[in-house]
Amino acid sequence: MNERTVKREMAKLKTMGWVAVKRPAVRGRVAVYELDLKQFLIDTTEVWPLIGRDFQA
């Protein structure tokens, strides 16, 4: 995996709303990201039965 691949996949996750920028990058510091678990759960609800009843509950 290279840096370009990571940037491309991070852009996809941001577009889906699964990843948000908590603190943007500034000179001398890297950006801080956070997972939006609420959005992730909303988007994956339809496949929960495939994982199992205990997960769905």
PDB file of N, CA and C in Angstrom:
ATOM      1  N   MET A   1       0.855  -1.158   0.000  1.00  0.00           N
ATOM      2  CA  MET A   1       0.000   0.000   0.000  1.00  0.00           C
ATOM      3  C   MET A   1       0.907   1.229   0.000  1.00  0.00           C
ATOM      4  N   ASN A   2       0.504   2.213  -0.756  1.00  0.00           N
ATOM      5  CA  ASN A   2       1.296   3.441  -0.770  1.00  0.00           C
ATOM      6  C   ASN A   2       0.447   4.620  -0.297  1.00  0.00           C
ATOM      7  N   GLU A   3       1.068   5.763  -0.191  1.00  0.00           N
ATOM      8  CA  GLU A   3       0.397   6.951   0.329  1.00  0.00           C
ATOM      9  C   GLU A   3      -0.809   7.343  -0.520  1.00  0.00           C
ATOM     10  N   ARG A   4      -0.696   7.173  -1.815  1.00  0.00           N
ATOM     11  CA  ARG A   4      -1.794   7.530  -2.713  1.00  0.00           C
ATOM     12  C   ARG A   4      -3.030   6.665  -2.455  1.00  0.00           C
ATOM     13  N   THR A   5      -2.796   5.377  -2.215  1.00  0.00           N
ATOM     14  CA  THR A   5      -3.905   4.461  -1.913  1.00  0.00           C
ATOM     15  C   THR A   5      -4.610   4.881  -0.632  1.00  0.00           C
ATOM     16  N   VAL A   6      -3.833   5.215   0.374  1.00  0.00           N
ATOM     17  CA  VAL A   6      -4.413   5.632   1.659  1.00  0.00           C
ATOM     18  C   VAL A   6      -5.235   6.904   1.488  1.00  0.00           C
ATOM     19  N   LYS A   7      -4.712   7.861   0.766  1.00  0.00           N
ATOM     20  CA  LYS A   7      -5.451   9.112   0.538  1.00  0.00           C
ATOM     21  C   LYS A   7      -6.757   8.861  -0.195  1.00  0.00           C
ATOM     22  N   ARG A   8      -6.716   7.989  -1.191  1.00  0.00           N
ATOM     23  CA  ARG A   8      -7.915   7.673  -1.971  1.00  0.00           C
ATOM     24  C   ARG A   8      -8.972   7.008  -1.089  1.00  0.00           C
ATOM     25  N   GLU A   9      -8.559   6.039  -0.278  1.00  0.00           N
ATOM     26  CA  GLU A   9      -9.504   5.329   0.581  1.00  0.00           C
ATOM     27  C   GLU A   9     -10.032   6.232   1.703  1.00  0.00           C
ATOM     28  N   MET A  10      -9.194   7.091   2.244  1.00  0.00           N
ATOM     29  CA  MET A  10      -9.658   8.040   3.262  1.00  0.00           C
ATOM     30  C   MET A  10     -10.691   8.988   2.675  1.00  0.00           C
ATOM     31  N   ALA A  11     -10.492   9.414   1.432  1.00  0.00           N
ATOM     32  CA  ALA A  11     -11.467  10.283   0.771  1.00  0.00           C
ATOM     33  C   ALA A  11     -12.809   9.569   0.626  1.00  0.00           C
ATOM     34  N   LYS A  12     -12.773   8.281   0.285  1.00  0.00           N
ATOM     35  CA  LYS A  12     -14.020   7.502   0.184  1.00  0.00           C
ATOM     36  C   LYS A  12     -14.734   7.439   1.524  1.00  0.00           C
ATOM     37  N   LEU A  13     -13.981   7.158   2.592  1.00  0.00           N
ATOM     38  CA  LEU A  13     -14.576   7.063   3.928  1.00  0.00           C
ATOM     39  C   LEU A  13     -15.161   8.401   4.379  1.00  0.00           C
ATOM     40  N   LYS A  14     -14.500   9.496   4.046  1.00  0.00           N
ATOM     41  CA  LYS A  14     -15.030  10.822   4.378  1.00  0.00           C
ATOM     42  C   LYS A  14     -16.319  11.077   3.618  1.00  0.00           C
ATOM     43  N   THR A  15     -16.355  10.718   2.339  1.00  0.00           N
ATOM     44  CA  THR A  15     -17.544  10.910   1.512  1.00  0.00           C
ATOM     45  C   THR A  15     -18.724  10.118   2.058  1.00  0.00           C
ATOM     46  N   MET A  16     -18.450   8.903   2.539  1.00  0.00           N
ATOM     47  CA  MET A  16     -19.504   8.055   3.103  1.00  0.00           C
ATOM     48  C   MET A  16     -19.965   8.554   4.466  1.00  0.00           C
ATOM     49  N   GLY A  17     -19.194   9.434   5.085  1.00  0.00           N
ATOM     50  CA  GLY A  17     -19.542   9.950   6.395  1.00  0.00           C
ATOM     51  C   GLY A  17     -19.050   9.078   7.533  1.00  0.00           C
ATOM     52  N   TRP A  18     -18.206   8.100   7.234  1.00  0.00           N
ATOM     53  CA  TRP A  18     -17.704   7.187   8.263  1.00  0.00           C
ATOM     54  C   TRP A  18     -16.519   7.762   9.010  1.00  0.00           C
ATOM     55  N   VAL A  19     -15.803   8.677   8.379  1.00  0.00           N
ATOM     56  CA  VAL A  19     -14.630   9.302   8.992  1.00  0.00           C
ATOM     57  C   VAL A  19     -14.802  10.809   8.903  1.00  0.00           C
ATOM     58  N   ALA A  20     -14.509  11.483  10.005  1.00  0.00           N
ATOM     59  CA  ALA A  20     -14.581  12.943  10.036  1.00  0.00           C
ATOM     60  C   ALA A  20     -13.245  13.491  10.502  1.00  0.00           C
ATOM     61  N   VAL A  21     -12.934  14.680  10.058  1.00  0.00           N
ATOM     62  CA  VAL A  21     -11.706  15.335  10.493  1.00  0.00           C
ATOM     63  C   VAL A  21     -11.993  16.006  11.828  1.00  0.00           C
ATOM     64  N   LYS A  22     -11.327  15.535  12.859  1.00  0.00           N
ATOM     65  CA  LYS A  22     -11.511  16.109  14.193  1.00  0.00           C
ATOM     66  C   LYS A  22     -10.674  17.378  14.334  1.00  0.00           C
ATOM     67  N   ARG A  23      -9.430  17.331  13.823  1.00  0.00           N
ATOM     68  CA  ARG A  23      -8.560  18.499  13.825  1.00  0.00           C
ATOM     69  C   ARG A  23      -7.793  18.507  12.513  1.00  0.00           C
ATOM     70  N   PRO A  24      -7.985  19.523  11.689  1.00  0.00           N
ATOM     71  CA  PRO A  24      -7.291  19.552  10.401  1.00  0.00           C
ATOM     72  C   PRO A  24      -5.774  19.698  10.580  1.00  0.00           C
ATOM     73  N   ALA A  25      -5.051  19.291   9.570  1.00  0.00           N
ATOM     74  CA  ALA A  25      -3.598  19.413   9.596  1.00  0.00           C
ATOM     75  C   ALA A  25      -3.207  20.882   9.520  1.00  0.00           C
ATOM     76  N   VAL A  26      -2.211  21.232  10.291  1.00  0.00           N
ATOM     77  CA  VAL A  26      -1.614  22.566  10.228  1.00  0.00           C
ATOM     78  C   VAL A  26      -0.110  22.382  10.148  1.00  0.00           C
ATOM     79  N   ARG A  27       0.563  23.409   9.864  1.00  0.00           N
ATOM     80  CA  ARG A  27       2.016  23.324   9.712  1.00  0.00           C
ATOM     81  C   ARG A  27       2.668  22.688  10.945  1.00  0.00           C
ATOM     82  N   GLY A  28       3.349  21.580  10.723  1.00  0.00           N
ATOM     83  CA  GLY A  28       4.044  20.899  11.814  1.00  0.00           C
ATOM     84  C   GLY A  28       3.212  19.865  12.552  1.00  0.00           C
ATOM     85  N   ARG A  29       1.945  19.738  12.214  1.00  0.00           N
ATOM     86  CA  ARG A  29       1.080  18.761  12.882  1.00  0.00           C
ATOM     87  C   ARG A  29       0.256  17.985  11.856  1.00  0.00           C
ATOM     88  N   VAL A  30      -0.013  16.748  12.180  1.00  0.00           N
ATOM     89  CA  VAL A  30      -0.834  15.925  11.297  1.00  0.00           C
ATOM     90  C   VAL A  30      -2.304  16.108  11.649  1.00  0.00           C
ATOM     91  N   ALA A  31      -3.165  15.750  10.741  1.00  0.00           N
ATOM     92  CA  ALA A  31      -4.606  15.824  10.985  1.00  0.00           C
ATOM     93  C   ALA A  31      -5.018  14.713  11.946  1.00  0.00           C
ATOM     94  N   VAL A  32      -6.097  14.962  12.669  1.00  0.00           N
ATOM     95  CA  VAL A  32      -6.662  13.962  13.575  1.00  0.00           C
ATOM     96  C   VAL A  32      -8.050  13.620  13.041  1.00  0.00           C
ATOM     97  N   TYR A  33      -8.289  12.323  12.889  1.00  0.00           N
ATOM     98  CA  TYR A  33      -9.568  11.855  12.361  1.00  0.00           C
ATOM     99  C   TYR A  33     -10.321  11.092  13.436  1.00  0.00           C
ATOM    100  N   GLU A  34     -11.644  10.987  13.258  1.00  0.00           N
ATOM    101  CA  GLU A  34     -12.450  10.183  14.164  1.00  0.00           C
ATOM    102  C   GLU A  34     -13.471   9.392  13.356  1.00  0.00           C
ATOM    103  N   LEU A  35     -13.791   8.207  13.848  1.00  0.00           N
ATOM    104  CA  LEU A  35     -14.804   7.373  13.212  1.00  0.00           C
ATOM    105  C   LEU A  35     -16.174   7.822  13.677  1.00  0.00           C
ATOM    106  N   ASP A  36     -17.107   7.928  12.758  1.00  0.00           N
ATOM    107  CA  ASP A  36     -18.493   8.232  13.106  1.00  0.00           C
ATOM    108  C   ASP A  36     -19.231   6.905  13.185  1.00  0.00           C
ATOM    109  N   LEU A  37     -19.205   6.296  14.353  1.00  0.00           N
ATOM    110  CA  LEU A  37     -19.795   4.970  14.519  1.00  0.00           C
ATOM    111  C   LEU A  37     -21.304   4.968  14.301  1.00  0.00           C
ATOM    112  N   LYS A  38     -21.961   6.062  14.629  1.00  0.00           N
ATOM    113  CA  LYS A  38     -23.406   6.140  14.411  1.00  0.00           C
ATOM    114  C   LYS A  38     -23.732   5.990  12.928  1.00  0.00           C
ATOM    115  N   GLN A  39     -23.023   6.723  12.079  1.00  0.00           N
ATOM    116  CA  GLN A  39     -23.243   6.631  10.631  1.00  0.00           C
ATOM    117  C   GLN A  39     -22.874   5.253  10.111  1.00  0.00           C
ATOM    118  N   PHE A  40     -21.789   4.699  10.634  1.00  0.00           N
ATOM    119  CA  PHE A  40     -21.357   3.361  10.242  1.00  0.00           C
ATOM    120  C   PHE A  40     -22.442   2.330  10.550  1.00  0.00           C
ATOM    121  N   LEU A  41     -23.035   2.395  11.737  1.00  0.00           N
ATOM    122  CA  LEU A  41     -24.096   1.456  12.110  1.00  0.00           C
ATOM    123  C   LEU A  41     -25.353   1.644  11.258  1.00  0.00           C
ATOM    124  N   ILE A  42     -25.691   2.894  10.973  1.00  0.00           N
ATOM    125  CA  ILE A  42     -26.861   3.164  10.124  1.00  0.00           C
ATOM    126  C   ILE A  42     -26.663   2.553   8.738  1.00  0.00           C
ATOM    127  N   ASP A  43     -25.470   2.737   8.171  1.00  0.00           N
ATOM    128  CA  ASP A  43     -25.198   2.269   6.817  1.00  0.00           C
ATOM    129  C   ASP A  43     -25.061   0.753   6.711  1.00  0.00           C
ATOM    130  N   THR A  44     -24.761   0.077   7.800  1.00  0.00           N
ATOM    131  CA  THR A  44     -24.531  -1.370   7.746  1.00  0.00           C
ATOM    132  C   THR A  44     -25.668  -2.190   8.338  1.00  0.00           C
ATOM    133  N   THR A  45     -26.748  -1.556   8.752  1.00  0.00           N
ATOM    134  CA  THR A  45     -27.855  -2.257   9.404  1.00  0.00           C
ATOM    135  C   THR A  45     -28.400  -3.412   8.568  1.00  0.00           C
ATOM    136  N   GLU A  46     -28.474  -3.247   7.269  1.00  0.00           N
ATOM    137  CA  GLU A  46     -29.080  -4.269   6.413  1.00  0.00           C
ATOM    138  C   GLU A  46     -28.275  -5.564   6.352  1.00  0.00           C
ATOM    139  N   VAL A  47     -27.002  -5.544   6.666  1.00  0.00           N
ATOM    140  CA  VAL A  47     -26.199  -6.768   6.612  1.00  0.00           C
ATOM    141  C   VAL A  47     -26.016  -7.425   7.980  1.00  0.00           C
ATOM    142  N   TRP A  48     -26.569  -6.847   9.025  1.00  0.00           N
ATOM    143  CA  TRP A  48     -26.445  -7.434  10.357  1.00  0.00           C
ATOM    144  C   TRP A  48     -26.967  -8.861  10.434  1.00  0.00           C
ATOM    145  N   PRO A  49     -28.107  -9.203   9.804  1.00  0.00           N
ATOM    146  CA  PRO A  49     -28.581 -10.588   9.869  1.00  0.00           C
ATOM    147  C   PRO A  49     -27.576 -11.591   9.284  1.00  0.00           C
ATOM    148  N   LEU A  50     -26.747 -11.158   8.352  1.00  0.00           N
ATOM    149  CA  LEU A  50     -25.735 -12.048   7.780  1.00  0.00           C
ATOM    150  C   LEU A  50     -24.633 -12.368   8.790  1.00  0.00           C
ATOM    151  N   ILE A  51     -24.424 -11.473   9.742  1.00  0.00           N
ATOM    152  CA  ILE A  51     -23.393 -11.677  10.764  1.00  0.00           C
ATOM    153  C   ILE A  51     -23.898 -12.636  11.834  1.00  0.00           C
ATOM    154  N   GLY A  52     -25.154 -12.478  12.231  1.00  0.00           N
ATOM    155  CA  GLY A  52     -25.729 -13.363  13.241  1.00  0.00           C
ATOM    156  C   GLY A  52     -26.789 -12.669  14.064  1.00  0.00           C
ATOM    157  N   ARG A  53     -27.640 -13.471  14.673  1.00  0.00           N
ATOM    158  CA  ARG A  53     -28.744 -12.921  15.475  1.00  0.00           C
ATOM    159  C   ARG A  53     -28.238 -12.155  16.689  1.00  0.00           C
ATOM    160  N   ASP A  54     -27.176 -12.651  17.309  1.00  0.00           N
ATOM    161  CA  ASP A  54     -26.655 -11.974  18.488  1.00  0.00           C
ATOM    162  C   ASP A  54     -26.140 -10.570  18.139  1.00  0.00           C
ATOM    163  N   PHE A  55     -25.523 -10.420  16.980  1.00  0.00           N
ATOM    164  CA  PHE A  55     -25.065  -9.104  16.560  1.00  0.00           C
ATOM    165  C   PHE A  55     -26.244  -8.203  16.258  1.00  0.00           C
ATOM    166  N   GLN A  56     -27.250  -8.747  15.625  1.00  0.00           N
ATOM    167  CA  GLN A  56     -28.450  -7.984  15.261  1.00  0.00           C
ATOM    168  C   GLN A  56     -29.173  -7.485  16.508  1.00  0.00           C
ATOM    169  N   ALA A  57     -29.190  -8.296  17.544  1.00  0.00           N
ATOM    170  CA  ALA A  57     -29.865  -7.912  18.808  1.00  0.00           C
ATOM    171  C   ALA A  57     -29.132  -6.757  19.439  1.00  0.00           C
TER     172      ALA A  57
END
